[in-house]
Amino acid sequence: MANRPPGEPSAPSYPAAIEQAGRICSMDPDHARQHLSDEQIRLEGVRGQLVGDGLTSESEQESVSELSSVDQHPSDLGSETFNRERDLSILEQVESELADVEHALQRLDEGTYWTCEACGRPIGEARLEAMPSARFCVDDQAGAEREAQRPSDTG
């Protein structure tokens, strides 16, 4: 657990957090922390591979230019641009997932890992096993996804 400054209230213990969530969960904090740590290591490996394969913040023109003075065919440039955009999109998703894992570790330290951030109800153990960084119960996650897919009323 994280060290807290003197005078700051500590997070509820595991049994207290479970009691607050109004349910009994057999996933103990050590198992949850290990599961999150494993996911963090996996995602950092994916990020490292993308960056190691040459995906950096250099400009697109620099990333697709050749060392020779021979002009590139436009279709080659299009393929390179497509591949770079795809890899940047994957990198962005991996970094977002890493942030979710870090947030879940913080929630674990605070004793709120097992509860839905939207409604306060328990997040099912099976859901946390499948998606250790889950912030919402199944019902609230489905609602959030429906809302995200809904067309905007502005315009």
C-alpha atoms as a PDB file:
ATOM      1  CA  MET A   1       0.000   0.000   0.000  1.00  0.00           C
ATOM      2  CA  ALA A   2       1.090   3.583  -0.545  1.00  0.00           C
ATOM      3  CA  ASN A   3       2.558   5.539   2.337  1.00  0.00           C
ATOM      4  CA  ARG A   4       0.321   8.380   3.456  1.00  0.00           C
ATOM      5  CA  PRO A   5       1.420  11.612   5.122  1.00  0.00           C
ATOM      6  CA  PRO A   6       0.835  11.779   8.881  1.00  0.00           C
ATOM      7  CA  GLY A   7      -2.660  12.902   9.759  1.00  0.00           C
ATOM      8  CA  GLU A   8      -4.177  11.811   6.447  1.00  0.00           C
ATOM      9  CA  PRO A   9      -6.900   9.187   6.895  1.00  0.00           C
ATOM     10  CA  SER A  10      -5.959   5.781   5.632  1.00  0.00           C
ATOM     11  CA  ALA A  11      -7.961   3.836   3.098  1.00  0.00           C
ATOM     12  CA  PRO A  12     -10.330   1.256   4.514  1.00  0.00           C
ATOM     13  CA  SER A  13      -8.854  -2.177   4.995  1.00  0.00           C
ATOM     14  CA  TYR A  14      -9.801  -4.916   2.549  1.00  0.00           C
ATOM     15  CA  PRO A  15     -12.579  -6.351   4.770  1.00  0.00           C
ATOM     16  CA  ALA A  16     -13.948  -2.846   5.420  1.00  0.00           C
ATOM     17  CA  ALA A  17     -13.930  -2.037   1.700  1.00  0.00           C
ATOM     18  CA  ILE A  18     -15.790  -5.259   0.969  1.00  0.00           C
ATOM     19  CA  GLU A  19     -18.316  -4.477   3.696  1.00  0.00           C
ATOM     20  CA  GLN A  20     -18.800  -0.959   2.287  1.00  0.00           C
ATOM     21  CA  ALA A  21     -19.409  -2.431  -1.145  1.00  0.00           C
ATOM     22  CA  GLY A  22     -22.183  -4.555   0.353  1.00  0.00           C
ATOM     23  CA  ARG A  23     -20.954  -7.874  -0.902  1.00  0.00           C
ATOM     24  CA  ILE A  24     -18.396 -10.564  -0.365  1.00  0.00           C
ATOM     25  CA  CYS A  25     -15.652 -10.874  -2.961  1.00  0.00           C
ATOM     26  CA  SER A  26     -13.057 -13.597  -2.919  1.00  0.00           C
ATOM     27  CA  MET A  27     -10.550 -11.496  -4.891  1.00  0.00           C
ATOM     28  CA  ASP A  28      -8.109 -10.226  -2.303  1.00  0.00           C
ATOM     29  CA  PRO A  29      -6.108  -7.022  -2.787  1.00  0.00           C
ATOM     30  CA  ASP A  30      -2.847  -8.883  -3.400  1.00  0.00           C
ATOM     31  CA  HIS A  31      -4.421 -10.871  -6.241  1.00  0.00           C
ATOM     32  CA  ALA A  32      -5.976  -7.705  -7.696  1.00  0.00           C
ATOM     33  CA  ARG A  33      -2.654  -5.842  -7.459  1.00  0.00           C
ATOM     34  CA  GLN A  34      -0.800  -8.721  -9.158  1.00  0.00           C
ATOM     35  CA  HIS A  35      -3.432  -8.895 -11.904  1.00  0.00           C
ATOM     36  CA  LEU A  36      -3.126  -5.134 -12.504  1.00  0.00           C
ATOM     37  CA  SER A  37       0.670  -5.315 -12.410  1.00  0.00           C
ATOM     38  CA  ASP A  38       0.672  -8.121 -14.993  1.00  0.00           C
ATOM     39  CA  GLU A  39      -1.572  -6.041 -17.263  1.00  0.00           C
ATOM     40  CA  GLN A  40       0.659  -2.991 -16.788  1.00  0.00           C
ATOM     41  CA  ILE A  41       3.754  -5.009 -17.767  1.00  0.00           C
ATOM     42  CA  ARG A  42       1.969  -6.409 -20.846  1.00  0.00           C
ATOM     43  CA  LEU A  43       0.868  -2.952 -22.000  1.00  0.00           C
ATOM     44  CA  GLU A  44       4.305  -1.425 -21.389  1.00  0.00           C
ATOM     45  CA  GLY A  45       5.759  -4.218 -23.540  1.00  0.00           C
ATOM     46  CA  VAL A  46       3.356  -3.406 -26.378  1.00  0.00           C
ATOM     47  CA  ARG A  47       4.183   0.299 -26.068  1.00  0.00           C
ATOM     48  CA  GLY A  48       7.910  -0.466 -26.038  1.00  0.00           C
ATOM     49  CA  GLN A  49       7.589  -2.600 -29.151  1.00  0.00           C
ATOM     50  CA  LEU A  50       5.705   0.140 -31.020  1.00  0.00           C
ATOM     51  CA  VAL A  51       8.274   2.757 -30.060  1.00  0.00           C
ATOM     52  CA  GLY A  52      11.118   0.308 -30.760  1.00  0.00           C
ATOM     53  CA  ASP A  53       9.732  -0.297 -34.241  1.00  0.00           C
ATOM     54  CA  GLY A  54      10.377   3.350 -35.039  1.00  0.00           C
ATOM     55  CA  LEU A  55       7.128   4.932 -33.936  1.00  0.00           C
ATOM     56  CA  THR A  56       8.266   8.223 -32.448  1.00  0.00           C
ATOM     57  CA  SER A  57       7.081  11.783 -32.330  1.00  0.00           C
ATOM     58  CA  GLU A  58       9.090  12.810 -35.412  1.00  0.00           C
ATOM     59  CA  SER A  59       7.085  14.392 -38.168  1.00  0.00           C
ATOM     60  CA  GLU A  60       5.318  12.207 -40.679  1.00  0.00           C
ATOM     61  CA  GLN A  61       7.454  13.602 -43.513  1.00  0.00           C
ATOM     62  CA  GLU A  62      10.658  12.651 -41.673  1.00  0.00           C
ATOM     63  CA  SER A  63       9.333   9.190 -40.883  1.00  0.00           C
ATOM     64  CA  VAL A  64       8.564   8.305 -44.499  1.00  0.00           C
ATOM     65  CA  SER A  65      11.436  10.041 -46.292  1.00  0.00           C
ATOM     66  CA  GLU A  66      14.106   7.907 -47.888  1.00  0.00           C
ATOM     67  CA  LEU A  67      17.827   8.385 -47.570  1.00  0.00           C
ATOM     68  CA  SER A  68      18.329   8.171 -51.315  1.00  0.00           C
ATOM     69  CA  SER A  69      17.458  10.910 -53.779  1.00  0.00           C
ATOM     70  CA  VAL A  70      14.982   8.638 -55.603  1.00  0.00           C
ATOM     71  CA  ASP A  71      11.420   9.885 -55.375  1.00  0.00           C
ATOM     72  CA  GLN A  72       8.896   7.642 -53.672  1.00  0.00           C
ATOM     73  CA  HIS A  73       5.890   6.465 -55.583  1.00  0.00           C
ATOM     74  CA  PRO A  74       2.704   8.131 -54.250  1.00  0.00           C
ATOM     75  CA  SER A  75       1.166   4.755 -53.369  1.00  0.00           C
ATOM     76  CA  ASP A  76       4.237   3.884 -51.273  1.00  0.00           C
ATOM     77  CA  LEU A  77       3.854   7.155 -49.416  1.00  0.00           C
ATOM     78  CA  GLY A  78       0.147   6.435 -48.883  1.00  0.00           C
ATOM     79  CA  SER A  79       0.920   3.004 -47.445  1.00  0.00           C
ATOM     80  CA  GLU A  80       3.566   4.437 -45.131  1.00  0.00           C
ATOM     81  CA  THR A  81       1.169   7.143 -43.983  1.00  0.00           C
ATOM     82  CA  PHE A  82      -1.590   4.604 -43.360  1.00  0.00           C
ATOM     83  CA  ASN A  83       0.739   2.325 -41.373  1.00  0.00           C
ATOM     84  CA  ARG A  84       2.023   5.214 -39.281  1.00  0.00           C
ATOM     85  CA  GLU A  85      -1.498   6.466 -38.512  1.00  0.00           C
ATOM     86  CA  ARG A  86      -2.575   2.928 -37.558  1.00  0.00           C
ATOM     87  CA  ASP A  87       0.417   2.501 -35.249  1.00  0.00           C
ATOM     88  CA  LEU A  88      -0.140   5.924 -33.665  1.00  0.00           C
ATOM     89  CA  SER A  89      -3.762   4.962 -33.026  1.00  0.00           C
ATOM     90  CA  ILE A  90      -2.674   1.706 -31.376  1.00  0.00           C
ATOM     91  CA  LEU A  91      -0.104   3.572 -29.280  1.00  0.00           C
ATOM     92  CA  GLU A  92      -2.757   6.060 -28.157  1.00  0.00           C
ATOM     93  CA  GLN A  93      -5.061   3.180 -27.123  1.00  0.00           C
ATOM     94  CA  VAL A  94      -2.254   1.416 -25.222  1.00  0.00           C
ATOM     95  CA  GLU A  95      -1.381   4.623 -23.362  1.00  0.00           C
ATOM     96  CA  SER A  96      -5.049   5.114 -22.474  1.00  0.00           C
ATOM     97  CA  GLU A  97      -5.224   1.557 -21.123  1.00  0.00           C
ATOM     98  CA  LEU A  98      -2.046   2.143 -19.102  1.00  0.00           C
ATOM     99  CA  ALA A  99      -3.654   5.228 -17.546  1.00  0.00           C
ATOM    100  CA  ASP A 100      -6.713   3.108 -16.682  1.00  0.00           C
ATOM    101  CA  VAL A 101      -4.485   0.524 -14.970  1.00  0.00           C
ATOM    102  CA  GLU A 102      -2.726   3.255 -12.972  1.00  0.00           C
ATOM    103  CA  HIS A 103      -6.130   4.641 -11.954  1.00  0.00           C
ATOM    104  CA  ALA A 104      -7.235   1.150 -10.877  1.00  0.00           C
ATOM    105  CA  LEU A 105      -4.095   0.772  -8.743  1.00  0.00           C
ATOM    106  CA  GLN A 106      -4.926   4.098  -7.087  1.00  0.00           C
ATOM    107  CA  ARG A 107      -8.500   2.911  -6.453  1.00  0.00           C
ATOM    108  CA  LEU A 108      -7.096  -0.288  -4.948  1.00  0.00           C
ATOM    109  CA  ASP A 109      -4.965   1.777  -2.548  1.00  0.00           C
ATOM    110  CA  GLU A 110      -8.037   3.841  -1.635  1.00  0.00           C
ATOM    111  CA  GLY A 111     -10.196   0.749  -1.063  1.00  0.00           C
ATOM    112  CA  THR A 112     -12.671   1.625  -3.841  1.00  0.00           C
ATOM    113  CA  TYR A 113     -11.430  -0.843  -6.475  1.00  0.00           C
ATOM    114  CA  TRP A 114     -14.407  -3.183  -6.110  1.00  0.00           C
ATOM    115  CA  THR A 115     -17.115  -0.536  -6.538  1.00  0.00           C
ATOM    116  CA  CYS A 116     -18.583   1.089  -9.655  1.00  0.00           C
ATOM    117  CA  GLU A 117     -17.543   4.731 -10.035  1.00  0.00           C
ATOM    118  CA  ALA A 118     -20.958   5.631 -11.475  1.00  0.00           C
ATOM    119  CA  CYS A 119     -23.448   3.969  -9.126  1.00  0.00           C
ATOM    120  CA  GLY A 120     -21.387   2.690  -6.184  1.00  0.00           C
ATOM    121  CA  ARG A 121     -22.615  -0.881  -6.617  1.00  0.00           C
ATOM    122  CA  PRO A 122     -20.141  -3.756  -6.646  1.00  0.00           C
ATOM    123  CA  ILE A 123     -18.219  -4.572  -9.793  1.00  0.00           C
ATOM    124  CA  GLY A 124     -18.479  -8.310 -10.315  1.00  0.00           C
ATOM    125  CA  GLU A 125     -15.403 -10.391  -9.648  1.00  0.00           C
ATOM    126  CA  ALA A 126     -15.647 -12.057 -13.074  1.00  0.00           C
ATOM    127  CA  ARG A 127     -15.586  -8.607 -14.700  1.00  0.00           C
ATOM    128  CA  LEU A 128     -12.521  -7.572 -12.686  1.00  0.00           C
ATOM    129  CA  GLU A 129     -10.784 -10.825 -13.640  1.00  0.00           C
ATOM    130  CA  ALA A 130     -11.529 -10.237 -17.332  1.00  0.00           C
ATOM    131  CA  MET A 131     -10.832  -6.488 -17.249  1.00  0.00           C
ATOM    132  CA  PRO A 132      -8.781  -5.614 -14.165  1.00  0.00           C
ATOM    133  CA  SER A 133      -8.943  -1.864 -14.826  1.00  0.00           C
ATOM    134  CA  ALA A 134     -12.767  -1.788 -15.031  1.00  0.00           C
ATOM    135  CA  ARG A 135     -14.221   1.375 -13.490  1.00  0.00           C
ATOM    136  CA  PHE A 136     -17.895   0.572 -13.968  1.00  0.00           C
ATOM    137  CA  CYS A 137     -20.264  -2.336 -13.369  1.00  0.00           C
ATOM    138  CA  VAL A 138     -21.575  -4.094 -16.486  1.00  0.00           C
ATOM    139  CA  ASP A 139     -24.809  -2.056 -16.575  1.00  0.00           C
ATOM    140  CA  ASP A 140     -23.101   1.333 -16.305  1.00  0.00           C
ATOM    141  CA  GLN A 141     -20.400   0.340 -18.819  1.00  0.00           C
ATOM    142  CA  ALA A 142     -23.094  -0.639 -21.329  1.00  0.00           C
ATOM    143  CA  GLY A 143     -24.826   2.705 -20.757  1.00  0.00           C
ATOM    144  CA  ALA A 144     -21.569   4.615 -21.245  1.00  0.00           C
ATOM    145  CA  GLU A 145     -20.888   2.757 -24.494  1.00  0.00           C
ATOM    146  CA  ARG A 146     -24.409   3.462 -25.790  1.00  0.00           C
ATOM    147  CA  GLU A 147     -23.980   7.139 -24.921  1.00  0.00           C
ATOM    148  CA  ALA A 148     -20.611   7.281 -26.713  1.00  0.00           C
ATOM    149  CA  GLN A 149     -22.147   5.814 -29.886  1.00  0.00           C
ATOM    150  CA  ARG A 150     -25.097   8.195 -29.855  1.00  0.00           C
ATOM    151  CA  PRO A 151     -24.949  10.930 -32.509  1.00  0.00           C
ATOM    152  CA  SER A 152     -24.327  14.409 -31.183  1.00  0.00           C
ATOM    153  CA  ASP A 153     -27.337  16.739 -30.978  1.00  0.00           C
ATOM    154  CA  THR A 154     -25.173  19.812 -31.545  1.00  0.00           C
ATOM    155  CA  GLY A 155     -24.754  21.306 -34.927  1.00  0.00           C
END
